[in-house]
C-alpha atoms as a PDB file:
ATOM      1  CA  MET A   1      -1.409 -18.131  -1.448  1.00  0.00           C
ATOM      2  CA  TYR A   2       0.705 -15.149  -2.414  1.00  0.00           C
ATOM      3  CA  PRO A   3       3.231 -13.857   0.134  1.00  0.00           C
ATOM      4  CA  THR A   4       2.776 -10.316   1.436  1.00  0.00           C
ATOM      5  CA  LEU A   5       5.009  -7.266   1.599  1.00  0.00           C
ATOM      6  CA  VAL A   6       3.923  -5.222   4.627  1.00  0.00           C
ATOM      7  CA  VAL A   7       4.817  -1.551   4.147  1.00  0.00           C
ATOM      8  CA  ILE A   8       5.349   0.601   7.247  1.00  0.00           C
ATOM      9  CA  ALA A   9       5.673   4.208   6.075  1.00  0.00           C
ATOM     10  CA  GLY A  10       5.429   7.592   7.720  1.00  0.00           C
ATOM     11  CA  PRO A  11       7.272  10.867   8.340  1.00  0.00           C
ATOM     12  CA  THR A  12      10.669  11.144   9.953  1.00  0.00           C
ATOM     13  CA  ALA A  13      10.783  10.585  13.742  1.00  0.00           C
ATOM     14  CA  VAL A  14       7.281   9.089  13.935  1.00  0.00           C
ATOM     15  CA  GLY A  15       8.563   5.733  15.212  1.00  0.00           C
ATOM     16  CA  LYS A  16       8.711   3.553  12.085  1.00  0.00           C
ATOM     17  CA  THR A  17      11.910   1.740  13.051  1.00  0.00           C
ATOM     18  CA  ALA A  18      10.818   0.589  16.493  1.00  0.00           C
ATOM     19  CA  PHE A  19       7.435  -0.595  15.273  1.00  0.00           C
ATOM     20  CA  SER A  20       8.888  -2.336  12.211  1.00  0.00           C
ATOM     21  CA  VAL A  21      11.349  -4.268  14.363  1.00  0.00           C
ATOM     22  CA  GLU A  22       8.496  -5.293  16.651  1.00  0.00           C
ATOM     23  CA  LEU A  23       6.431  -6.396  13.651  1.00  0.00           C
ATOM     24  CA  ALA A  24       9.306  -8.292  12.020  1.00  0.00           C
ATOM     25  CA  GLN A  25       9.978 -10.156  15.257  1.00  0.00           C
ATOM     26  CA  HIS A  26       6.296 -11.028  15.565  1.00  0.00           C
ATOM     27  CA  LEU A  27       6.193 -12.307  11.979  1.00  0.00           C
ATOM     28  CA  LYS A  28       9.640 -13.945  12.327  1.00  0.00           C
ATOM     29  CA  THR A  29      10.768 -12.219   9.159  1.00  0.00           C
ATOM     30  CA  GLU A  30      13.202  -9.629   7.778  1.00  0.00           C
ATOM     31  CA  ILE A  31      13.172  -5.885   7.103  1.00  0.00           C
ATOM     32  CA  ILE A  32      13.879  -4.098   3.817  1.00  0.00           C
ATOM     33  CA  SER A  33      14.811  -0.458   4.338  1.00  0.00           C
ATOM     34  CA  ALA A  34      13.394   2.140   1.957  1.00  0.00           C
ATOM     35  CA  ASP A  35      15.155   5.059   3.620  1.00  0.00           C
ATOM     36  CA  SER A  36      17.468   6.462   0.966  1.00  0.00           C
ATOM     37  CA  ARG A  37      19.550   8.307   3.577  1.00  0.00           C
ATOM     38  CA  GLN A  38      20.345   5.097   5.455  1.00  0.00           C
ATOM     39  CA  PHE A  39      21.775   3.335   2.388  1.00  0.00           C
ATOM     40  CA  TYR A  40      25.164   4.977   2.924  1.00  0.00           C
ATOM     41  CA  LYS A  41      27.731   3.176   5.057  1.00  0.00           C
ATOM     42  CA  GLU A  42      29.535   6.289   6.234  1.00  0.00           C
ATOM     43  CA  LEU A  43      26.510   8.285   7.419  1.00  0.00           C
ATOM     44  CA  THR A  44      25.092   7.161  10.733  1.00  0.00           C
ATOM     45  CA  ILE A  45      24.257   9.934  13.193  1.00  0.00           C
ATOM     46  CA  GLY A  46      22.533  12.292  10.769  1.00  0.00           C
ATOM     47  CA  THR A  47      20.489   9.543   9.143  1.00  0.00           C
ATOM     48  CA  ALA A  48      19.014   8.112  12.368  1.00  0.00           C
ATOM     49  CA  LYS A  49      19.862   4.534  11.461  1.00  0.00           C
ATOM     50  CA  PRO A  50      18.494   1.731  13.628  1.00  0.00           C
ATOM     51  CA  THR A  51      20.509   1.158  16.774  1.00  0.00           C
ATOM     52  CA  ALA A  52      22.849  -1.803  17.105  1.00  0.00           C
ATOM     53  CA  LYS A  53      20.205  -3.474  19.274  1.00  0.00           C
ATOM     54  CA  GLU A  54      17.509  -2.952  16.632  1.00  0.00           C
ATOM     55  CA  LEU A  55      19.777  -4.201  13.858  1.00  0.00           C
ATOM     56  CA  ALA A  56      20.529  -7.312  15.891  1.00  0.00           C
ATOM     57  CA  ALA A  57      16.842  -7.979  16.615  1.00  0.00           C
ATOM     58  CA  CYS A  58      16.137  -9.052  13.023  1.00  0.00           C
ATOM     59  CA  GLN A  59      17.814  -9.103   9.618  1.00  0.00           C
ATOM     60  CA  HIS A  60      17.884  -5.720   7.864  1.00  0.00           C
ATOM     61  CA  HIS A  61      18.593  -5.085   4.174  1.00  0.00           C
ATOM     62  CA  PHE A  62      19.670  -1.918   2.308  1.00  0.00           C
ATOM     63  CA  ILE A  63      21.189  -0.303   5.392  1.00  0.00           C
ATOM     64  CA  ASN A  64      24.917   0.438   4.986  1.00  0.00           C
ATOM     65  CA  HIS A  65      24.377  -0.741   1.424  1.00  0.00           C
ATOM     66  CA  ILE A  66      26.610   1.634  -0.577  1.00  0.00           C
ATOM     67  CA  HIS A  67      29.336   4.265  -0.150  1.00  0.00           C
ATOM     68  CA  VAL A  68      28.747   8.011  -0.173  1.00  0.00           C
ATOM     69  CA  LYS A  69      30.680   8.431  -3.416  1.00  0.00           C
ATOM     70  CA  GLU A  70      28.268   6.142  -5.271  1.00  0.00           C
ATOM     71  CA  ASN A  71      25.168   7.385  -7.049  1.00  0.00           C
ATOM     72  CA  TYR A  72      22.162   5.184  -6.402  1.00  0.00           C
ATOM     73  CA  THR A  73      18.777   5.577  -8.040  1.00  0.00           C
ATOM     74  CA  ALA A  74      15.250   4.450  -7.310  1.00  0.00           C
ATOM     75  CA  ALA A  75      15.413   2.348 -10.475  1.00  0.00           C
ATOM     76  CA  GLN A  76      18.453   0.487  -9.109  1.00  0.00           C
ATOM     77  CA  PHE A  77      16.669  -0.005  -5.806  1.00  0.00           C
ATOM     78  CA  GLU A  78      13.615  -1.379  -7.609  1.00  0.00           C
ATOM     79  CA  GLN A  79      15.693  -4.016  -9.373  1.00  0.00           C
ATOM     80  CA  GLU A  80      17.758  -5.031  -6.349  1.00  0.00           C
ATOM     81  CA  ALA A  81      14.900  -4.996  -3.842  1.00  0.00           C
ATOM     82  CA  LEU A  82      12.628  -6.951  -6.169  1.00  0.00           C
ATOM     83  CA  ALA A  83      15.316  -9.598  -6.615  1.00  0.00           C
ATOM     84  CA  LEU A  84      15.730  -9.752  -2.839  1.00  0.00           C
ATOM     85  CA  CYS A  85      11.964 -10.161  -2.349  1.00  0.00           C
ATOM     86  CA  ASN A  86      11.866 -13.027  -4.826  1.00  0.00           C
ATOM     87  CA  LEU A  87      14.622 -14.735  -2.855  1.00  0.00           C
ATOM     88  CA  LYS A  88      13.346 -14.035   0.645  1.00  0.00           C
ATOM     89  CA  PHE A  89       9.734 -14.959  -0.113  1.00  0.00           C
ATOM     90  CA  MET A  90      10.984 -18.499  -0.593  1.00  0.00           C
ATOM     91  CA  GLN A  91      11.853 -18.399   3.124  1.00  0.00           C
ATOM     92  CA  HIS A  92       9.147 -16.139   4.609  1.00  0.00           C
ATOM     93  CA  GLN A  93       5.449 -15.649   3.972  1.00  0.00           C
ATOM     94  CA  GLN A  94       5.794 -11.951   4.840  1.00  0.00           C
ATOM     95  CA  LEU A  95       8.499  -9.281   4.559  1.00  0.00           C
ATOM     96  CA  VAL A  96       8.489  -5.800   6.098  1.00  0.00           C
ATOM     97  CA  LEU A  97       9.357  -2.765   3.957  1.00  0.00           C
ATOM     98  CA  THR A  98       9.883   0.404   5.968  1.00  0.00           C
ATOM     99  CA  GLY A  99      11.176   3.921   5.445  1.00  0.00           C
ATOM    100  CA  GLY A 100      10.250   7.479   4.718  1.00  0.00           C
ATOM    101  CA  SER A 101      11.432   7.712   1.098  1.00  0.00           C
ATOM    102  CA  GLY A 102       8.154   7.503  -0.792  1.00  0.00           C
ATOM    103  CA  LEU A 103       9.838   7.331  -4.183  1.00  0.00           C
ATOM    104  CA  TYR A 104      11.712   4.173  -3.195  1.00  0.00           C
ATOM    105  CA  ILE A 105       8.633   2.565  -1.642  1.00  0.00           C
ATOM    106  CA  ASP A 106       6.703   3.249  -4.843  1.00  0.00           C
ATOM    107  CA  ALA A 107       9.568   1.879  -6.926  1.00  0.00           C
ATOM    108  CA  LEU A 108       9.393  -1.518  -5.241  1.00  0.00           C
ATOM    109  CA  CYS A 109       5.619  -1.690  -4.849  1.00  0.00           C
ATOM    110  CA  HIS A 110       4.552  -0.438  -8.273  1.00  0.00           C
ATOM    111  CA  GLY A 111       7.591   0.429 -10.349  1.00  0.00           C
ATOM    112  CA  PHE A 112       7.505   3.357 -12.724  1.00  0.00           C
ATOM    113  CA  ASP A 113       7.933   3.894 -16.420  1.00  0.00           C
ATOM    114  CA  ASP A 114      11.505   4.320 -17.583  1.00  0.00           C
ATOM    115  CA  ALA A 115      12.406   7.984 -17.552  1.00  0.00           C
ATOM    116  CA  PRO A 116      14.503   9.298 -20.437  1.00  0.00           C
ATOM    117  CA  PRO A 117      18.264   8.899 -20.036  1.00  0.00           C
ATOM    118  CA  SER A 118      20.342  11.781 -18.794  1.00  0.00           C
ATOM    119  CA  ASP A 119      21.103  14.416 -21.437  1.00  0.00           C
ATOM    120  CA  PRO A 120      24.722  15.555 -20.865  1.00  0.00           C
ATOM    121  CA  ALA A 121      24.111  18.982 -22.406  1.00  0.00           C
ATOM    122  CA  VAL A 122      21.026  19.696 -20.294  1.00  0.00           C
ATOM    123  CA  ARG A 123      22.725  18.312 -17.183  1.00  0.00           C
ATOM    124  CA  ALA A 124      25.797  20.514 -17.738  1.00  0.00           C
ATOM    125  CA  GLU A 125      23.597  23.585 -18.171  1.00  0.00           C
ATOM    126  CA  LEU A 126      21.680  22.875 -14.965  1.00  0.00           C
ATOM    127  CA  ASP A 127      24.903  22.180 -13.068  1.00  0.00           C
ATOM    128  CA  LEU A 128      26.046  25.621 -14.190  1.00  0.00           C
ATOM    129  CA  VAL A 129      22.797  27.184 -12.938  1.00  0.00           C
ATOM    130  CA  LEU A 130      23.410  25.559  -9.548  1.00  0.00           C
ATOM    131  CA  LYS A 131      27.015  26.726  -9.429  1.00  0.00           C
ATOM    132  CA  ASN A 132      26.329  30.316 -10.490  1.00  0.00           C
ATOM    133  CA  ASN A 133      22.889  31.010  -9.021  1.00  0.00           C
ATOM    134  CA  GLY A 134      22.467  28.483  -6.205  1.00  0.00           C
ATOM    135  CA  ILE A 135      19.782  25.997  -5.325  1.00  0.00           C
ATOM    136  CA  LYS A 136      17.007  28.616  -5.142  1.00  0.00           C
ATOM    137  CA  ALA A 137      17.263  29.109  -8.912  1.00  0.00           C
ATOM    138  CA  LEU A 138      16.686  25.384  -9.448  1.00  0.00           C
ATOM    139  CA  GLN A 139      13.779  25.426  -7.021  1.00  0.00           C
ATOM    140  CA  GLN A 140      12.098  28.249  -8.933  1.00  0.00           C
ATOM    141  CA  MET A 141      12.646  26.452 -12.252  1.00  0.00           C
ATOM    142  CA  LEU A 142      11.009  23.283 -10.962  1.00  0.00           C
ATOM    143  CA  ILE A 143       8.089  25.170  -9.404  1.00  0.00           C
ATOM    144  CA  GLN A 144       7.393  26.752 -12.802  1.00  0.00           C
ATOM    145  CA  LEU A 145       7.863  23.554 -14.825  1.00  0.00           C
ATOM    146  CA  ASP A 146       6.312  21.001 -12.478  1.00  0.00           C
ATOM    147  CA  PRO A 147       4.511  22.602  -9.509  1.00  0.00           C
ATOM    148  CA  ASP A 148       2.943  19.301  -8.410  1.00  0.00           C
ATOM    149  CA  TYR A 149       6.230  17.440  -8.103  1.00  0.00           C
ATOM    150  CA  SER A 150       7.905  20.461  -6.476  1.00  0.00           C
ATOM    151  CA  GLN A 151       5.560  19.924  -3.513  1.00  0.00           C
ATOM    152  CA  LYS A 152       6.684  16.303  -3.107  1.00  0.00           C
ATOM    153  CA  VAL A 153      10.385  16.223  -3.945  1.00  0.00           C
ATOM    154  CA  ASP A 154      13.111  17.047  -1.421  1.00  0.00           C
ATOM    155  CA  ILE A 155      13.334  20.691  -2.463  1.00  0.00           C
ATOM    156  CA  ASN A 156      16.758  21.018  -0.804  1.00  0.00           C
ATOM    157  CA  ASN A 157      18.339  18.179  -2.802  1.00  0.00           C
ATOM    158  CA  PRO A 158      19.889  19.731  -5.939  1.00  0.00           C
ATOM    159  CA  GLN A 159      20.375  16.371  -7.682  1.00  0.00           C
ATOM    160  CA  ARG A 160      16.653  15.541  -7.363  1.00  0.00           C
ATOM    161  CA  LEU A 161      15.792  19.026  -8.631  1.00  0.00           C
ATOM    162  CA  ILE A 162      18.173  18.764 -11.580  1.00  0.00           C
ATOM    163  CA  ARG A 163      16.850  15.323 -12.556  1.00  0.00           C
ATOM    164  CA  ALA A 164      13.222  16.493 -12.476  1.00  0.00           C
ATOM    165  CA  ILE A 165      13.992  19.605 -14.540  1.00  0.00           C
ATOM    166  CA  GLU A 166      16.110  17.568 -16.941  1.00  0.00           C
ATOM    167  CA  ILE A 167      13.300  15.063 -17.513  1.00  0.00           C
ATOM    168  CA  ASN A 168      10.822  17.862 -18.155  1.00  0.00           C
ATOM    169  CA  GLN A 169      13.085  19.640 -20.625  1.00  0.00           C
ATOM    170  CA  SER A 170      14.161  16.435 -22.403  1.00  0.00           C
ATOM    171  CA  SER A 171      10.756  14.767 -22.733  1.00  0.00           C
ATOM    172  CA  GLY A 172       8.199  17.524 -22.375  1.00  0.00           C
ATOM    173  CA  LYS A 173       6.606  15.451 -19.588  1.00  0.00           C
ATOM    174  CA  ASN A 174       6.843  15.962 -15.851  1.00  0.00           C
ATOM    175  CA  MET A 175       7.897  13.470 -13.184  1.00  0.00           C
ATOM    176  CA  HIS A 176       4.269  12.675 -12.383  1.00  0.00           C
ATOM    177  CA  PHE A 177       3.961  11.027 -15.806  1.00  0.00           C
ATOM    178  CA  PHE A 178       6.803   8.615 -15.071  1.00  0.00           C
ATOM    179  CA  LEU A 179       5.817   7.947 -11.463  1.00  0.00           C
ATOM    180  CA  LYS A 180       2.165   7.318 -12.289  1.00  0.00           C
ATOM    181  CA  GLY A 181       2.590   5.172 -15.365  1.00  0.00           C
ATOM    182  CA  LYS A 182       1.183   1.677 -15.710  1.00  0.00           C
ATOM    183  CA  VAL A 183       1.520  -0.141 -12.406  1.00  0.00           C
ATOM    184  CA  LYS A 184       3.745  -3.184 -12.669  1.00  0.00           C
ATOM    185  CA  GLN A 185       2.241  -6.358 -11.280  1.00  0.00           C
ATOM    186  CA  ARG A 186       4.222  -7.908  -8.447  1.00  0.00           C
ATOM    187  CA  PRO A 187       4.225 -11.619  -7.540  1.00  0.00           C
ATOM    188  CA  PHE A 188       3.197 -10.776  -3.984  1.00  0.00           C
ATOM    189  CA  ASN A 189       0.442  -8.961  -2.112  1.00  0.00           C
ATOM    190  CA  ILE A 190       1.113  -5.514  -0.658  1.00  0.00           C
ATOM    191  CA  LEU A 191      -0.336  -4.189   2.606  1.00  0.00           C
ATOM    192  CA  LYS A 192       0.369  -0.518   3.256  1.00  0.00           C
ATOM    193  CA  ILE A 193       0.351   1.091   6.699  1.00  0.00           C
ATOM    194  CA  CYS A 194       1.227   4.736   7.338  1.00  0.00           C
ATOM    195  CA  LEU A 195       2.072   5.912  10.838  1.00  0.00           C
ATOM    196  CA  THR A 196       1.277   9.416  11.961  1.00  0.00           C
ATOM    197  CA  MET A 197       0.740  11.460  15.113  1.00  0.00           C
ATOM    198  CA  ASP A 198      -0.368  14.911  16.208  1.00  0.00           C
ATOM    199  CA  ARG A 199       1.626  17.444  14.193  1.00  0.00           C
ATOM    200  CA  GLU A 200       2.888  19.418  17.194  1.00  0.00           C
ATOM    201  CA  LEU A 201       3.989  16.234  18.947  1.00  0.00           C
ATOM    202  CA  LEU A 202       5.757  15.094  15.789  1.00  0.00           C
ATOM    203  CA  TYR A 203       7.602  18.409  15.540  1.00  0.00           C
ATOM    204  CA  GLU A 204       8.638  18.108  19.181  1.00  0.00           C
ATOM    205  CA  ARG A 205      10.005  14.623  18.498  1.00  0.00           C
ATOM    206  CA  ILE A 206      11.894  15.940  15.464  1.00  0.00           C
ATOM    207  CA  ASN A 207      13.451  18.753  17.489  1.00  0.00           C
ATOM    208  CA  ASN A 208      14.434  16.327  20.255  1.00  0.00           C
ATOM    209  CA  ARG A 209      15.934  13.929  17.721  1.00  0.00           C
ATOM    210  CA  VAL A 210      18.087  16.727  16.282  1.00  0.00           C
ATOM    211  CA  ASP A 211      19.261  17.636  19.788  1.00  0.00           C
ATOM    212  CA  HIS A 212      20.163  13.980  20.331  1.00  0.00           C
ATOM    213  CA  MET A 213      22.108  13.915  17.043  1.00  0.00           C
ATOM    214  CA  ILE A 214      24.046  17.013  18.075  1.00  0.00           C
ATOM    215  CA  VAL A 215      24.996  15.452  21.407  1.00  0.00           C
ATOM    216  CA  ASN A 216      26.065  12.263  19.628  1.00  0.00           C
ATOM    217  CA  GLY A 217      28.454  14.118  17.326  1.00  0.00           C
ATOM    218  CA  LEU A 218      26.599  15.167  14.165  1.00  0.00           C
ATOM    219  CA  GLU A 219      28.909  18.160  13.701  1.00  0.00           C
ATOM    220  CA  ASP A 220      32.001  15.935  13.702  1.00  0.00           C
ATOM    221  CA  GLU A 221      30.357  13.488  11.290  1.00  0.00           C
ATOM    222  CA  ALA A 222      29.516  16.345   8.911  1.00  0.00           C
ATOM    223  CA  LEU A 223      33.060  17.725   9.180  1.00  0.00           C
ATOM    224  CA  ALA A 224      34.546  14.310   8.378  1.00  0.00           C
ATOM    225  CA  TYR A 225      32.719  14.298   5.025  1.00  0.00           C
ATOM    226  CA  TYR A 226      32.860  17.997   4.247  1.00  0.00           C
ATOM    227  CA  HIS A 227      35.287  17.278   1.406  1.00  0.00           C
ATOM    228  CA  LEU A 228      32.461  15.312  -0.268  1.00  0.00           C
ATOM    229  CA  LYS A 229      29.838  18.005   0.296  1.00  0.00           C
ATOM    230  CA  ASP A 230      28.877  18.145  -3.394  1.00  0.00           C
ATOM    231  CA  SER A 231      28.089  14.431  -3.624  1.00  0.00           C
ATOM    232  CA  ASN A 232      24.452  13.371  -3.861  1.00  0.00           C
ATOM    233  CA  ALA A 233      24.618  11.458  -0.569  1.00  0.00           C
ATOM    234  CA  LEU A 234      25.474  14.613   1.382  1.00  0.00           C
ATOM    235  CA  GLN A 235      22.617  16.675  -0.063  1.00  0.00           C
ATOM    236  CA  THR A 236      20.504  15.935   2.959  1.00  0.00           C
ATOM    237  CA  VAL A 237      19.221  17.638   6.075  1.00  0.00           C
ATOM    238  CA  GLY A 238      21.700  17.670   8.935  1.00  0.00           C
ATOM    239  CA  TYR A 239      24.787  17.815   6.762  1.00  0.00           C
ATOM    240  CA  LYS A 240      24.063  20.699   4.387  1.00  0.00           C
ATOM    241  CA  GLU A 241      23.333  23.053   7.260  1.00  0.00           C
ATOM    242  CA  PHE A 242      26.610  22.247   8.986  1.00  0.00           C
ATOM    243  CA  PHE A 243      28.445  22.693   5.681  1.00  0.00           C
ATOM    244  CA  ASP A 244      27.003  26.214   5.536  1.00  0.00           C
ATOM    245  CA  TYR A 245      28.150  26.749   9.135  1.00  0.00           C
ATOM    246  CA  PHE A 246      31.678  25.611   8.250  1.00  0.00           C
ATOM    247  CA  GLU A 247      31.680  28.110   5.350  1.00  0.00           C
ATOM    248  CA  GLY A 248      30.544  30.980   7.565  1.00  0.00           C
ATOM    249  CA  ASN A 249      27.045  31.269   6.103  1.00  0.00           C
ATOM    250  CA  TYR A 250      25.335  30.401   9.406  1.00  0.00           C
ATOM    251  CA  SER A 251      26.230  30.716  13.044  1.00  0.00           C
ATOM    252  CA  TYR A 252      26.270  27.459  15.001  1.00  0.00           C
ATOM    253  CA  THR A 253      22.873  28.240  16.545  1.00  0.00           C
ATOM    254  CA  GLU A 254      21.421  29.136  13.144  1.00  0.00           C
ATOM    255  CA  ALA A 255      22.710  25.867  11.686  1.00  0.00           C
ATOM    256  CA  VAL A 256      21.045  23.796  14.398  1.00  0.00           C
ATOM    257  CA  ASP A 257      17.802  25.755  14.061  1.00  0.00           C
ATOM    258  CA  LYS A 258      17.920  25.237  10.279  1.00  0.00           C
ATOM    259  CA  ILE A 259      18.343  21.482  10.730  1.00  0.00           C
ATOM    260  CA  LYS A 260      15.234  21.407  12.901  1.00  0.00           C
ATOM    261  CA  GLN A 261      13.240  23.604  10.522  1.00  0.00           C
ATOM    262  CA  ASN A 262      14.279  21.668   7.422  1.00  0.00           C
ATOM    263  CA  SER A 263      13.556  18.350   9.159  1.00  0.00           C
ATOM    264  CA  ARG A 264      10.044  19.555   9.969  1.00  0.00           C
ATOM    265  CA  ASN A 265       9.573  20.687   6.363  1.00  0.00           C
ATOM    266  CA  TYR A 266      10.789  17.293   5.171  1.00  0.00           C
ATOM    267  CA  ALA A 267       8.175  15.600   7.365  1.00  0.00           C
ATOM    268  CA  LYS A 268       5.478  17.769   5.753  1.00  0.00           C
ATOM    269  CA  ARG A 269       6.572  16.672   2.271  1.00  0.00           C
ATOM    270  CA  GLN A 270       6.608  13.033   3.341  1.00  0.00           C
ATOM    271  CA  LEU A 271       3.035  13.294   4.620  1.00  0.00           C
ATOM    272  CA  THR A 272       1.969  14.972   1.369  1.00  0.00           C
ATOM    273  CA  TRP A 273       3.532  12.129  -0.627  1.00  0.00           C
ATOM    274  CA  PHE A 274       1.882   9.344   1.365  1.00  0.00           C
ATOM    275  CA  LYS A 275      -1.541  11.019   1.483  1.00  0.00           C
ATOM    276  CA  ARG A 276      -1.778  10.876  -2.296  1.00  0.00           C
ATOM    277  CA  ASP A 277      -1.738   7.055  -2.149  1.00  0.00           C
ATOM    278  CA  LYS A 278      -5.186   5.777  -1.165  1.00  0.00           C
ATOM    279  CA  GLU A 279      -3.856   2.257  -0.509  1.00  0.00           C
ATOM    280  CA  TYR A 280      -2.484   3.301   2.879  1.00  0.00           C
ATOM    281  CA  THR A 281      -4.338   2.638   6.113  1.00  0.00           C
ATOM    282  CA  TRP A 282      -3.379   5.318   8.605  1.00  0.00           C
ATOM    283  CA  PHE A 283      -2.752   4.869  12.330  1.00  0.00           C
ATOM    284  CA  ASP A 284      -1.873   7.419  14.982  1.00  0.00           C
ATOM    285  CA  ILE A 285       1.030   5.612  16.608  1.00  0.00           C
ATOM    286  CA  ASN A 286       0.719   7.692  19.749  1.00  0.00           C
ATOM    287  CA  THR A 287      -2.977   7.091  20.474  1.00  0.00           C
ATOM    288  CA  ASN A 288      -3.761   3.929  18.533  1.00  0.00           C
ATOM    289  CA  ARG A 289      -0.556   1.876  18.490  1.00  0.00           C
ATOM    290  CA  ASN A 290      -2.171  -1.188  20.067  1.00  0.00           C
ATOM    291  CA  ALA A 291      -4.583  -1.492  17.135  1.00  0.00           C
ATOM    292  CA  ILE A 292      -1.922  -1.680  14.417  1.00  0.00           C
ATOM    293  CA  LEU A 293      -0.612  -5.208  14.913  1.00  0.00           C
ATOM    294  CA  PRO A 294      -4.102  -6.794  15.227  1.00  0.00           C
ATOM    295  CA  PHE A 295      -5.148  -4.980  12.039  1.00  0.00           C
ATOM    296  CA  ILE A 296      -2.136  -6.315  10.163  1.00  0.00           C
ATOM    297  CA  MET A 297      -2.594  -9.870  11.399  1.00  0.00           C
ATOM    298  CA  LYS A 298      -6.262  -9.866  10.439  1.00  0.00           C
ATOM    299  CA  ALA A 299      -5.444  -8.446   6.985  1.00  0.00           C
ATOM    300  CA  LEU A 300      -2.829 -11.159   6.434  1.00  0.00           C
ATOM    301  CA  LEU A 301      -5.462 -13.833   7.006  1.00  0.00           C
ATOM    302  CA  ASN A 302      -7.756 -12.474   4.287  1.00  0.00           C
END
């Protein structure tokens, strides 16, 4: 019987971490993180990593995995996570994959066709567009070239924008072509669960989480890595807004409000990404949490 990778996906702040730890303990197994923001060792408060208690409850992988100065791609994650699965499935019948980065979940579950290599000339030109005209110019370029992907990508991450535009200009094909290529067969079964909740309640949880981050020192964490603000790792909600505050572009209150707004927008894009995948079974974690574990256990027996 094939082993099974149980995917627990969902938008930010929905409660994926707590449920995944509970599930991993029940299955006596380990967790693979597919949250690209939690890969970085130096970033803790703004990435909402599992608590020390949660990390101690079961073995986690791909948390504190790399340094902020390193570039790390979904293709690298696919290779490393697949190798880890092959190893760990010799010890466990199930593994839990959890996170909100749909691209990384898809990379491990299905893989994607190899995108063309980076074109230095195109990359240099797009870097110049970013430097001279700002991120909004890149956003408009991607919307015109690849409107479908522009609704799914982190629109505030310039490196993701540049890569998508670069692929389109180099190959004449959009990101959808490479993400929806021939599905690679995996030597394990995959069970996909997506957690959700009432939108207004989710937004309230997001706002409260940001307030908690602020109290815990998010501003100081952002300031400590301000000198690396142009690195890919720091192109994420919670840090970019404080960088703008440090540079006088926002007031403190505006920066905090922007973090909340951009976090809510990020949750919308996550939901859009997961809804396109019909393999997910959806559960409202607020009203139907008690049904999730029985559903998973029954599915694992089939």
